[in-house]
Amino acid sequence: MFSEIAERQLTKIGDSEEMNPFHIIYLAISVLGIYLFVRLCFFFKDKKRLRVPSHNVSNVSYPFLKGESHD
């Protein structure tokens, strides 16, 4: 039963020359979702990359901020 419905849908999509508005909306949501997923991955990667140097800099500069001598 399911294969018949799927086959009918595929032939409908293949036969129609113009895009159904639902398919355009589905395609737009898919592309937007993939884009947001990639941006989220890069956002977390950038946060990890930026967090490490700032942590090291704060450790290095901490004695100088307290006013201790570094002889």
PDB file of N, CA and C in Angstrom:
ATOM      1  N   MET A   1       0.840  -1.196   0.000  1.00  0.00           N
ATOM      2  CA  MET A   1       0.000   0.000   0.000  1.00  0.00           C
ATOM      3  C   MET A   1       0.876   1.247   0.000  1.00  0.00           C
ATOM      4  N   PHE A   2       1.859   1.255   0.862  1.00  0.00           N
ATOM      5  CA  PHE A   2       2.728   2.434   0.951  1.00  0.00           C
ATOM      6  C   PHE A   2       3.519   2.628  -0.336  1.00  0.00           C
ATOM      7  N   SER A   3       3.986   1.530  -0.920  1.00  0.00           N
ATOM      8  CA  SER A   3       4.779   1.651  -2.150  1.00  0.00           C
ATOM      9  C   SER A   3       3.929   2.197  -3.297  1.00  0.00           C
ATOM     10  N   GLU A   4       2.625   1.840  -3.323  1.00  0.00           N
ATOM     11  CA  GLU A   4       1.753   2.376  -4.369  1.00  0.00           C
ATOM     12  C   GLU A   4       1.586   3.878  -4.216  1.00  0.00           C
ATOM     13  N   ILE A   5       1.418   4.334  -2.991  1.00  0.00           N
ATOM     14  CA  ILE A   5       1.265   5.770  -2.751  1.00  0.00           C
ATOM     15  C   ILE A   5       2.558   6.495  -3.117  1.00  0.00           C
ATOM     16  N   ALA A   6       3.680   5.937  -2.723  1.00  0.00           N
ATOM     17  CA  ALA A   6       4.964   6.569  -3.035  1.00  0.00           C
ATOM     18  C   ALA A   6       5.192   6.602  -4.534  1.00  0.00           C
ATOM     19  N   GLU A   7       4.832   5.530  -5.216  1.00  0.00           N
ATOM     20  CA  GLU A   7       5.012   5.476  -6.670  1.00  0.00           C
ATOM     21  C   GLU A   7       4.130   6.517  -7.359  1.00  0.00           C
ATOM     22  N   ARG A   8       2.888   6.666  -6.872  1.00  0.00           N
ATOM     23  CA  ARG A   8       1.980   7.662  -7.444  1.00  0.00           C
ATOM     24  C   ARG A   8       2.523   9.074  -7.218  1.00  0.00           C
ATOM     25  N   GLN A   9       3.064   9.321  -6.024  1.00  0.00           N
ATOM     26  CA  GLN A   9       3.628  10.649  -5.724  1.00  0.00           C
ATOM     27  C   GLN A   9       4.822  10.935  -6.617  1.00  0.00           C
ATOM     28  N   LEU A  10       5.681   9.934  -6.817  1.00  0.00           N
ATOM     29  CA  LEU A  10       6.859  10.141  -7.667  1.00  0.00           C
ATOM     30  C   LEU A  10       6.451  10.437  -9.103  1.00  0.00           C
ATOM     31  N   THR A  11       5.454   9.735  -9.604  1.00  0.00           N
ATOM     32  CA  THR A  11       5.030  10.003 -10.976  1.00  0.00           C
ATOM     33  C   THR A  11       4.363  11.366 -11.065  1.00  0.00           C
ATOM     34  N   LYS A  12       3.659  11.783 -10.013  1.00  0.00           N
ATOM     35  CA  LYS A  12       3.058  13.114 -10.009  1.00  0.00           C
ATOM     36  C   LYS A  12       4.146  14.185 -10.067  1.00  0.00           C
ATOM     37  N   ILE A  13       5.179  14.005  -9.234  1.00  0.00           N
ATOM     38  CA  ILE A  13       6.267  14.987  -9.209  1.00  0.00           C
ATOM     39  C   ILE A  13       6.995  14.994 -10.553  1.00  0.00           C
ATOM     40  N   GLY A  14       7.229  13.825 -11.116  1.00  0.00           N
ATOM     41  CA  GLY A  14       7.938  13.756 -12.385  1.00  0.00           C
ATOM     42  C   GLY A  14       7.122  14.315 -13.544  1.00  0.00           C
ATOM     43  N   ASP A  15       5.811  14.141 -13.501  1.00  0.00           N
ATOM     44  CA  ASP A  15       4.973  14.593 -14.608  1.00  0.00           C
ATOM     45  C   ASP A  15       4.722  16.094 -14.577  1.00  0.00           C
ATOM     46  N   SER A  16       4.657  16.673 -13.386  1.00  0.00           N
ATOM     47  CA  SER A  16       4.322  18.095 -13.306  1.00  0.00           C
ATOM     48  C   SER A  16       5.507  18.945 -13.729  1.00  0.00           C
ATOM     49  N   GLU A  17       5.243  19.896 -14.603  1.00  0.00           N
ATOM     50  CA  GLU A  17       6.307  20.766 -15.096  1.00  0.00           C
ATOM     51  C   GLU A  17       6.626  21.870 -14.085  1.00  0.00           C
ATOM     52  N   GLU A  18       5.606  22.401 -13.432  1.00  0.00           N
ATOM     53  CA  GLU A  18       5.833  23.483 -12.485  1.00  0.00           C
ATOM     54  C   GLU A  18       5.950  22.926 -11.068  1.00  0.00           C
ATOM     55  N   MET A  19       6.675  23.641 -10.240  1.00  0.00           N
ATOM     56  CA  MET A  19       6.878  23.177  -8.865  1.00  0.00           C
ATOM     57  C   MET A  19       5.628  23.469  -8.036  1.00  0.00           C
ATOM     58  N   ASN A  20       5.277  22.536  -7.212  1.00  0.00           N
ATOM     59  CA  ASN A  20       4.192  22.728  -6.271  1.00  0.00           C
ATOM     60  C   ASN A  20       4.667  23.699  -5.191  1.00  0.00           C
ATOM     61  N   PRO A  21       3.835  24.635  -4.728  1.00  0.00           N
ATOM     62  CA  PRO A  21       4.273  25.567  -3.669  1.00  0.00           C
ATOM     63  C   PRO A  21       4.754  24.838  -2.415  1.00  0.00           C
ATOM     64  N   PHE A  22       4.135  23.713  -2.117  1.00  0.00           N
ATOM     65  CA  PHE A  22       4.568  22.956  -0.938  1.00  0.00           C
ATOM     66  C   PHE A  22       6.000  22.470  -1.113  1.00  0.00           C
ATOM     67  N   HIS A  23       6.363  22.047  -2.318  1.00  0.00           N
ATOM     68  CA  HIS A  23       7.725  21.566  -2.548  1.00  0.00           C
ATOM     69  C   HIS A  23       8.733  22.706  -2.440  1.00  0.00           C
ATOM     70  N   ILE A  24       8.341  23.890  -2.892  1.00  0.00           N
ATOM     71  CA  ILE A  24       9.234  25.050  -2.782  1.00  0.00           C
ATOM     72  C   ILE A  24       9.446  25.397  -1.314  1.00  0.00           C
ATOM     73  N   ILE A  25       8.390  25.382  -0.524  1.00  0.00           N
ATOM     74  CA  ILE A  25       8.509  25.681   0.909  1.00  0.00           C
ATOM     75  C   ILE A  25       9.366  24.626   1.588  1.00  0.00           C
ATOM     76  N   TYR A  26       9.144  23.358   1.258  1.00  0.00           N
ATOM     77  CA  TYR A  26       9.923  22.268   1.851  1.00  0.00           C
ATOM     78  C   TYR A  26      11.401  22.410   1.502  1.00  0.00           C
ATOM     79  N   LEU A  27      11.686  22.747   0.252  1.00  0.00           N
ATOM     80  CA  LEU A  27      13.072  22.933  -0.180  1.00  0.00           C
ATOM     81  C   LEU A  27      13.709  24.102   0.548  1.00  0.00           C
ATOM     82  N   ALA A  28      12.984  25.204   0.711  1.00  0.00           N
ATOM     83  CA  ALA A  28      13.517  26.378   1.403  1.00  0.00           C
ATOM     84  C   ALA A  28      13.808  26.061   2.870  1.00  0.00           C
ATOM     85  N   ILE A  29      12.906  25.346   3.528  1.00  0.00           N
ATOM     86  CA  ILE A  29      13.120  24.987   4.931  1.00  0.00           C
ATOM     87  C   ILE A  29      14.308  24.040   5.052  1.00  0.00           C
ATOM     88  N   SER A  30      14.451  23.115   4.120  1.00  0.00           N
ATOM     89  CA  SER A  30      15.583  22.184   4.160  1.00  0.00           C
ATOM     90  C   SER A  30      16.903  22.918   4.014  1.00  0.00           C
ATOM     91  N   VAL A  31      16.980  23.827   3.034  1.00  0.00           N
ATOM     92  CA  VAL A  31      18.221  24.572   2.819  1.00  0.00           C
ATOM     93  C   VAL A  31      18.522  25.449   4.027  1.00  0.00           C
ATOM     94  N   LEU A  32      17.497  26.097   4.572  1.00  0.00           N
ATOM     95  CA  LEU A  32      17.696  26.957   5.742  1.00  0.00           C
ATOM     96  C   LEU A  32      18.138  26.134   6.951  1.00  0.00           C
ATOM     97  N   GLY A  33      17.562  24.961   7.123  1.00  0.00           N
ATOM     98  CA  GLY A  33      17.951  24.106   8.239  1.00  0.00           C
ATOM     99  C   GLY A  33      19.392  23.641   8.128  1.00  0.00           C
ATOM    100  N   ILE A  34      19.802  23.256   6.936  1.00  0.00           N
ATOM    101  CA  ILE A  34      21.196  22.827   6.740  1.00  0.00           C
ATOM    102  C   ILE A  34      22.139  23.994   6.992  1.00  0.00           C
ATOM    103  N   TYR A  35      21.777  25.183   6.496  1.00  0.00           N
ATOM    104  CA  TYR A  35      22.620  26.370   6.687  1.00  0.00           C
ATOM    105  C   TYR A  35      22.764  26.694   8.180  1.00  0.00           C
ATOM    106  N   LEU A  36      21.649  26.664   8.910  1.00  0.00           N
ATOM    107  CA  LEU A  36      21.700  26.978  10.337  1.00  0.00           C
ATOM    108  C   LEU A  36      22.499  25.926  11.102  1.00  0.00           C
ATOM    109  N   PHE A  37      22.381  24.667  10.707  1.00  0.00           N
ATOM    110  CA  PHE A  37      23.149  23.610  11.362  1.00  0.00           C
ATOM    111  C   PHE A  37      24.649  23.827  11.169  1.00  0.00           C
ATOM    112  N   VAL A  38      25.048  24.174   9.942  1.00  0.00           N
ATOM    113  CA  VAL A  38      26.468  24.410   9.660  1.00  0.00           C
ATOM    114  C   VAL A  38      26.957  25.624  10.434  1.00  0.00           C
ATOM    115  N   ARG A  39      26.145  26.696  10.479  1.00  0.00           N
ATOM    116  CA  ARG A  39      26.536  27.900  11.220  1.00  0.00           C
ATOM    117  C   ARG A  39      26.684  27.583  12.711  1.00  0.00           C
ATOM    118  N   LEU A  40      25.792  26.756  13.244  1.00  0.00           N
ATOM    119  CA  LEU A  40      25.860  26.397  14.660  1.00  0.00           C
ATOM    120  C   LEU A  40      27.128  25.614  14.952  1.00  0.00           C
ATOM    121  N   CYS A  41      27.496  24.696  14.059  1.00  0.00           N
ATOM    122  CA  CYS A  41      28.735  23.929  14.247  1.00  0.00           C
ATOM    123  C   CYS A  41      29.948  24.846  14.244  1.00  0.00           C
ATOM    124  N   PHE A  42      30.008  25.772  13.290  1.00  0.00           N
ATOM    125  CA  PHE A  42      31.134  26.693  13.236  1.00  0.00           C
ATOM    126  C   PHE A  42      31.136  27.635  14.432  1.00  0.00           C
ATOM    127  N   PHE A  43      29.944  28.004  14.939  1.00  0.00           N
ATOM    128  CA  PHE A  43      29.855  28.888  16.100  1.00  0.00           C
ATOM    129  C   PHE A  43      30.491  28.223  17.315  1.00  0.00           C
ATOM    130  N   PHE A  44      30.161  26.947  17.545  1.00  0.00           N
ATOM    131  CA  PHE A  44      30.746  26.252  18.691  1.00  0.00           C
ATOM    132  C   PHE A  44      32.229  26.005  18.477  1.00  0.00           C
ATOM    133  N   LYS A  45      32.643  25.749  17.242  1.00  0.00           N
ATOM    134  CA  LYS A  45      34.068  25.552  16.958  1.00  0.00           C
ATOM    135  C   LYS A  45      34.829  26.846  17.224  1.00  0.00           C
ATOM    136  N   ASP A  46      34.263  27.998  16.818  1.00  0.00           N
ATOM    137  CA  ASP A  46      34.904  29.288  17.060  1.00  0.00           C
ATOM    138  C   ASP A  46      34.956  29.599  18.554  1.00  0.00           C
ATOM    139  N   LYS A  47      33.903  29.266  19.284  1.00  0.00           N
ATOM    140  CA  LYS A  47      33.917  29.526  20.733  1.00  0.00           C
ATOM    141  C   LYS A  47      35.012  28.717  21.409  1.00  0.00           C
ATOM    142  N   LYS A  48      35.178  27.459  21.006  1.00  0.00           N
ATOM    143  CA  LYS A  48      36.239  26.643  21.599  1.00  0.00           C
ATOM    144  C   LYS A  48      37.611  27.207  21.262  1.00  0.00           C
ATOM    145  N   ARG A  49      37.776  27.647  20.005  1.00  0.00           N
ATOM    146  CA  ARG A  49      39.067  28.154  19.575  1.00  0.00           C
ATOM    147  C   ARG A  49      39.382  29.475  20.270  1.00  0.00           C
ATOM    148  N   LEU A  50      38.377  30.318  20.480  1.00  0.00           N
ATOM    149  CA  LEU A  50      38.619  31.611  21.106  1.00  0.00           C
ATOM    150  C   LEU A  50      38.769  31.500  22.618  1.00  0.00           C
ATOM    151  N   ARG A  51      38.164  30.495  23.224  1.00  0.00           N
ATOM    152  CA  ARG A  51      38.201  30.382  24.679  1.00  0.00           C
ATOM    153  C   ARG A  51      39.607  30.028  25.170  1.00  0.00           C
ATOM    154  N   VAL A  52      40.316  29.184  24.427  1.00  0.00           N
ATOM    155  CA  VAL A  52      41.618  28.701  24.901  1.00  0.00           C
ATOM    156  C   VAL A  52      42.658  29.820  24.959  1.00  0.00           C
ATOM    157  N   PRO A  53      42.855  30.641  23.911  1.00  0.00           N
ATOM    158  CA  PRO A  53      43.858  31.699  24.026  1.00  0.00           C
ATOM    159  C   PRO A  53      43.517  32.719  25.109  1.00  0.00           C
ATOM    160  N   SER A  54      42.249  33.084  25.272  1.00  0.00           N
ATOM    161  CA  SER A  54      41.905  34.087  26.284  1.00  0.00           C
ATOM    162  C   SER A  54      42.195  33.534  27.677  1.00  0.00           C
ATOM    163  N   HIS A  55      42.000  32.239  27.877  1.00  0.00           N
ATOM    164  CA  HIS A  55      42.288  31.627  29.172  1.00  0.00           C
ATOM    165  C   HIS A  55      43.796  31.658  29.446  1.00  0.00           C
ATOM    166  N   ASN A  56      44.585  31.335  28.428  1.00  0.00           N
ATOM    167  CA  ASN A  56      46.036  31.353  28.603  1.00  0.00           C
ATOM    168  C   ASN A  56      46.548  32.760  28.847  1.00  0.00           C
ATOM    169  N   VAL A  57      45.990  33.745  28.155  1.00  0.00           N
ATOM    170  CA  VAL A  57      46.422  35.134  28.337  1.00  0.00           C
ATOM    171  C   VAL A  57      46.096  35.597  29.743  1.00  0.00           C
ATOM    172  N   SER A  58      44.930  35.229  30.266  1.00  0.00           N
ATOM    173  CA  SER A  58      44.566  35.673  31.615  1.00  0.00           C
ATOM    174  C   SER A  58      45.499  35.026  32.642  1.00  0.00           C
ATOM    175  N   ASN A  59      45.910  33.787  32.410  1.00  0.00           N
ATOM    176  CA  ASN A  59      46.836  33.151  33.349  1.00  0.00           C
ATOM    177  C   ASN A  59      48.208  33.822  33.313  1.00  0.00           C
ATOM    178  N   VAL A  60      48.650  34.199  32.133  1.00  0.00           N
ATOM    179  CA  VAL A  60      49.977  34.804  32.004  1.00  0.00           C
ATOM    180  C   VAL A  60      49.984  36.194  32.596  1.00  0.00           C
ATOM    181  N   SER A  61      48.929  36.975  32.356  1.00  0.00           N
ATOM    182  CA  SER A  61      48.942  38.375  32.775  1.00  0.00           C
ATOM    183  C   SER A  61      48.468  38.556  34.213  1.00  0.00           C
ATOM    184  N   TYR A  62      48.005  37.497  34.863  1.00  0.00           N
ATOM    185  CA  TYR A  62      47.451  37.636  36.206  1.00  0.00           C
ATOM    186  C   TYR A  62      48.465  38.156  37.225  1.00  0.00           C
ATOM    187  N   PRO A  63      49.708  37.642  37.297  1.00  0.00           N
ATOM    188  CA  PRO A  63      50.656  38.192  38.287  1.00  0.00           C
ATOM    189  C   PRO A  63      50.968  39.662  38.035  1.00  0.00           C
ATOM    190  N   PHE A  64      50.997  40.077  36.777  1.00  0.00           N
ATOM    191  CA  PHE A  64      51.300  41.474  36.479  1.00  0.00           C
ATOM    192  C   PHE A  64      50.129  42.365  36.870  1.00  0.00           C
ATOM    193  N   LEU A  65      48.909  41.844  36.769  1.00  0.00           N
ATOM    194  CA  LEU A  65      47.756  42.638  37.164  1.00  0.00           C
ATOM    195  C   LEU A  65      47.734  42.838  38.675  1.00  0.00           C
ATOM    196  N   LYS A  66      48.222  41.861  39.419  1.00  0.00           N
ATOM    197  CA  LYS A  66      48.264  42.000  40.875  1.00  0.00           C
ATOM    198  C   LYS A  66      49.381  42.939  41.314  1.00  0.00           C
ATOM    199  N   GLY A  67      50.301  43.244  40.433  1.00  0.00           N
ATOM    200  CA  GLY A  67      51.367  44.175  40.771  1.00  0.00           C
ATOM    201  C   GLY A  67      52.611  43.496  41.317  1.00  0.00           C
ATOM    202  N   GLU A  68      52.667  42.168  41.178  1.00  0.00           N
ATOM    203  CA  GLU A  68      53.861  41.475  41.667  1.00  0.00           C
ATOM    204  C   GLU A  68      55.006  41.674  40.684  1.00  0.00           C
ATOM    205  N   SER A  69      56.211  41.655  41.181  1.00  0.00           N
ATOM    206  CA  SER A  69      57.358  41.807  40.287  1.00  0.00           C
ATOM    207  C   SER A  69      57.635  40.485  39.605  1.00  0.00           C
ATOM    208  N   HIS A  70      58.207  40.531  38.421  1.00  0.00           N
ATOM    209  CA  HIS A  70      58.484  39.319  37.661  1.00  0.00           C
ATOM    210  C   HIS A  70      59.988  39.137  37.470  1.00  0.00           C
ATOM    211  N   ASP A  71      60.756  39.385  38.495  1.00  0.00           N
ATOM    212  CA  ASP A  71      62.224  39.243  38.429  1.00  0.00           C
ATOM    213  C   ASP A  71      62.617  37.789  38.400  1.00  0.00           C
TER     214      ASP A  71
END
